[in-house]
Protein backbone atom coordinates (compact mmCIF):
# COMPACT_ATOMS: atom_id res chain seq x y z
CA UNK A 1 -38.70 50.81 -22.05
CA UNK A 2 -40.21 47.17 -21.82
CA UNK A 3 -36.56 46.09 -22.81
CA UNK A 4 -35.15 48.30 -19.70
CA UNK A 5 -37.57 46.57 -17.13
CA UNK A 6 -36.55 43.35 -18.40
CA UNK A 7 -33.03 43.96 -18.20
CA UNK A 8 -33.29 45.61 -14.62
CA UNK A 9 -35.25 42.26 -13.63
CA UNK A 10 -32.64 39.91 -15.05
CA UNK A 11 -30.05 42.12 -13.42
CA UNK A 12 -31.57 41.54 -9.75
CA UNK A 13 -31.49 37.73 -10.53
CA UNK A 14 -27.82 37.33 -11.35
CA UNK A 15 -26.88 39.52 -8.23
CA UNK A 16 -23.91 37.81 -6.45
CA UNK A 17 -24.67 36.67 -3.01
CA UNK A 18 -21.99 38.21 -0.18
CA UNK A 19 -21.33 36.52 2.58
CA UNK A 20 -19.25 38.10 5.46
CA UNK A 21 -15.63 37.07 5.29
CA UNK A 22 -16.37 35.17 8.84
CA UNK A 23 -18.71 32.54 7.08
CA UNK A 24 -16.55 31.57 4.39
CA UNK A 25 -15.09 28.22 5.45
CA UNK A 26 -11.71 29.09 4.69
CA UNK A 27 -11.60 31.62 7.41
CA UNK A 28 -10.65 28.75 10.08
CA UNK A 29 -7.33 28.68 8.31
CA UNK A 30 -4.36 30.64 9.19
CA UNK A 31 -3.39 33.21 6.78
CA UNK A 32 -0.33 31.36 4.47
CA UNK A 33 -1.20 28.12 5.52
CA UNK A 34 -1.51 27.14 1.36
CA UNK A 35 1.60 28.86 0.54
CA UNK A 36 2.97 25.26 -0.58
CA UNK A 37 5.36 25.99 -3.35
CA UNK A 38 8.17 24.25 -1.15
CA UNK A 39 6.34 21.33 0.23
CA UNK A 40 5.71 20.73 -3.87
CA UNK A 41 8.85 21.24 -4.82
CA UNK A 42 10.33 18.88 -2.00
CA UNK A 43 7.50 16.20 -3.38
CA UNK A 44 8.23 16.85 -7.08
CA UNK A 45 11.86 16.12 -6.42
CA UNK A 46 10.86 12.98 -4.36
CA UNK A 47 8.90 11.73 -6.78
CA UNK A 48 11.55 12.11 -9.45
CA UNK A 49 14.07 10.24 -7.87
CA UNK A 50 11.58 7.95 -6.79
CA UNK A 51 10.57 6.92 -10.13
CA UNK A 52 14.07 6.69 -11.73
CA UNK A 53 13.46 8.42 -14.91
CA UNK A 54 15.91 11.27 -16.04
CA UNK A 55 14.60 14.66 -15.91
CA UNK A 56 14.96 14.61 -20.13
CA UNK A 57 12.32 12.03 -20.37
CA UNK A 58 9.84 13.37 -17.90
CA UNK A 59 10.06 16.62 -19.79
CA UNK A 60 9.72 14.48 -23.38
CA UNK A 61 6.52 12.79 -22.16
CA UNK A 62 5.02 15.45 -20.52
CA UNK A 63 5.74 17.44 -23.73
CA UNK A 64 3.70 14.66 -25.45
CA UNK A 65 1.10 14.46 -23.06
CA UNK A 66 0.24 18.21 -22.99
CA UNK A 67 1.10 18.69 -26.38
CA UNK A 68 3.28 21.43 -26.04
CA UNK A 69 6.80 21.83 -25.53
CA UNK A 70 8.22 21.51 -21.70
CA UNK A 71 11.81 21.80 -21.58
CA UNK A 72 14.64 19.92 -19.07
CA UNK A 73 14.90 23.91 -17.99
CA UNK A 74 11.80 24.16 -17.14
CA UNK A 75 12.16 20.53 -14.97
CA UNK A 76 14.94 21.77 -13.56
CA UNK A 77 13.57 25.02 -12.34
CA UNK A 78 10.54 23.50 -10.84
CA UNK A 79 12.66 21.22 -9.02
CA UNK A 80 14.97 23.85 -7.77
CA UNK A 81 14.45 24.89 -4.03
CA UNK A 82 16.34 28.31 -4.35
CA UNK A 83 13.59 29.04 -6.86
CA UNK A 84 10.52 29.72 -5.58
CA UNK A 85 9.42 32.05 -8.22
CA UNK A 86 9.05 28.79 -10.65
CA UNK A 87 6.12 26.86 -9.75
CA UNK A 88 4.69 23.73 -11.65
CA UNK A 89 1.58 25.04 -13.57
CA UNK A 90 -1.67 23.18 -12.64
CA UNK A 91 -2.38 21.62 -16.18
CA UNK A 92 1.09 19.74 -15.73
CA UNK A 93 0.26 18.32 -12.18
CA UNK A 94 -2.11 15.39 -13.57
CA UNK A 95 0.17 14.38 -16.27
CA UNK A 96 3.41 14.29 -13.86
CA UNK A 97 1.46 12.16 -11.29
CA UNK A 98 0.70 9.60 -14.36
CA UNK A 99 4.44 9.56 -15.44
CA UNK A 100 5.91 9.62 -12.12
CA UNK A 101 3.53 7.06 -10.78
CA UNK A 102 3.30 9.62 -7.84
CA UNK A 103 0.55 11.43 -6.22
CA UNK A 104 2.86 12.86 -3.86
CA UNK A 105 2.72 16.26 -5.53
CA UNK A 106 -0.83 16.52 -5.62
CA UNK A 107 -1.06 15.77 -1.68
CA UNK A 108 1.84 18.49 -1.03
CA UNK A 109 -0.52 21.23 -2.25
CA UNK A 110 -3.31 19.75 -0.22
CA UNK A 111 -2.11 18.85 3.09
CA UNK A 112 -3.81 20.38 5.66
CA UNK A 113 -6.70 21.10 3.94
CA UNK A 114 -8.58 17.92 5.40
CA UNK A 115 -8.68 16.77 1.41
CA UNK A 116 -6.64 13.68 0.77
CA UNK A 117 -5.74 12.17 -2.69
CA UNK A 118 -6.02 8.60 -3.39
CA UNK A 119 -4.47 6.54 -5.97
CA UNK A 120 -6.11 3.74 -8.35
CA UNK A 121 -5.79 1.02 -5.63
CA UNK A 122 -6.80 2.75 -3.05
CA UNK A 123 -9.89 4.08 -5.37
CA UNK A 124 -10.89 0.28 -5.55
CA UNK A 125 -10.83 -0.14 -1.88
CA UNK A 126 -13.01 2.94 -1.35
CA UNK A 127 -15.50 1.81 -3.91
CA UNK A 128 -15.58 -1.69 -2.10
CA UNK A 129 -16.08 0.12 0.93
CA UNK A 130 -18.95 1.72 -0.60
CA UNK A 131 -20.49 -1.10 -1.96
CA UNK A 132 -20.48 -2.88 1.57
CA UNK A 133 -21.92 -0.46 3.44
CA UNK A 134 -25.19 -0.06 0.93
CA UNK A 135 -25.47 -3.82 0.63
CA UNK A 136 -25.80 -3.64 4.41
CA UNK A 137 -27.96 -0.45 4.57
CA UNK A 138 -30.02 -2.47 1.77
CA UNK A 139 -30.20 -5.89 3.92
CA UNK A 140 -31.43 -3.81 7.04
CA UNK A 141 -34.11 -2.22 5.26
CA UNK A 142 -35.31 -5.55 3.75
CA UNK A 143 -35.47 -6.95 7.05
CA UNK A 144 -37.44 -4.26 8.42
CA UNK A 145 -39.87 -4.48 5.48
CA UNK A 146 -39.86 -8.27 5.83
CA UNK A 147 -41.02 -7.91 9.76
CA UNK A 148 -43.59 -5.11 8.21
CA UNK A 149 -45.01 -7.48 5.65
CA UNK A 150 -44.74 -10.51 8.45
CA UNK A 151 -42.55 -12.81 6.35
């Protein structure tokens, strides 16, 4: 009986919080907003072309990085605009960004969400900007403390 009471108390603590649908942040988007398969295929084709790599090389390197076989046929299916049921698996996207030296595929999937993808160079600028803002805030705080202390 004690075990039953304990289980009931634990079950009450694990309850999932249900929000009304109107309170979800995603409700501000139109239905279908994130149906991005055409945009992702287009970005993939653009990145392939821009990279100058053959699809065979991409398949081979993707296979190496993922430690599983990715065929040229899969690459062709992902790139084919008419094959709307053939999507790039999520676990391939990061490796493709590195192989093709492009974040366009990821950005195509996020377009309209308010999120942005940045590359390594942009990341350095972002980090520098954050440091500049932090230094400015520290200088301001230091100035106020020195005034308070009469220094």
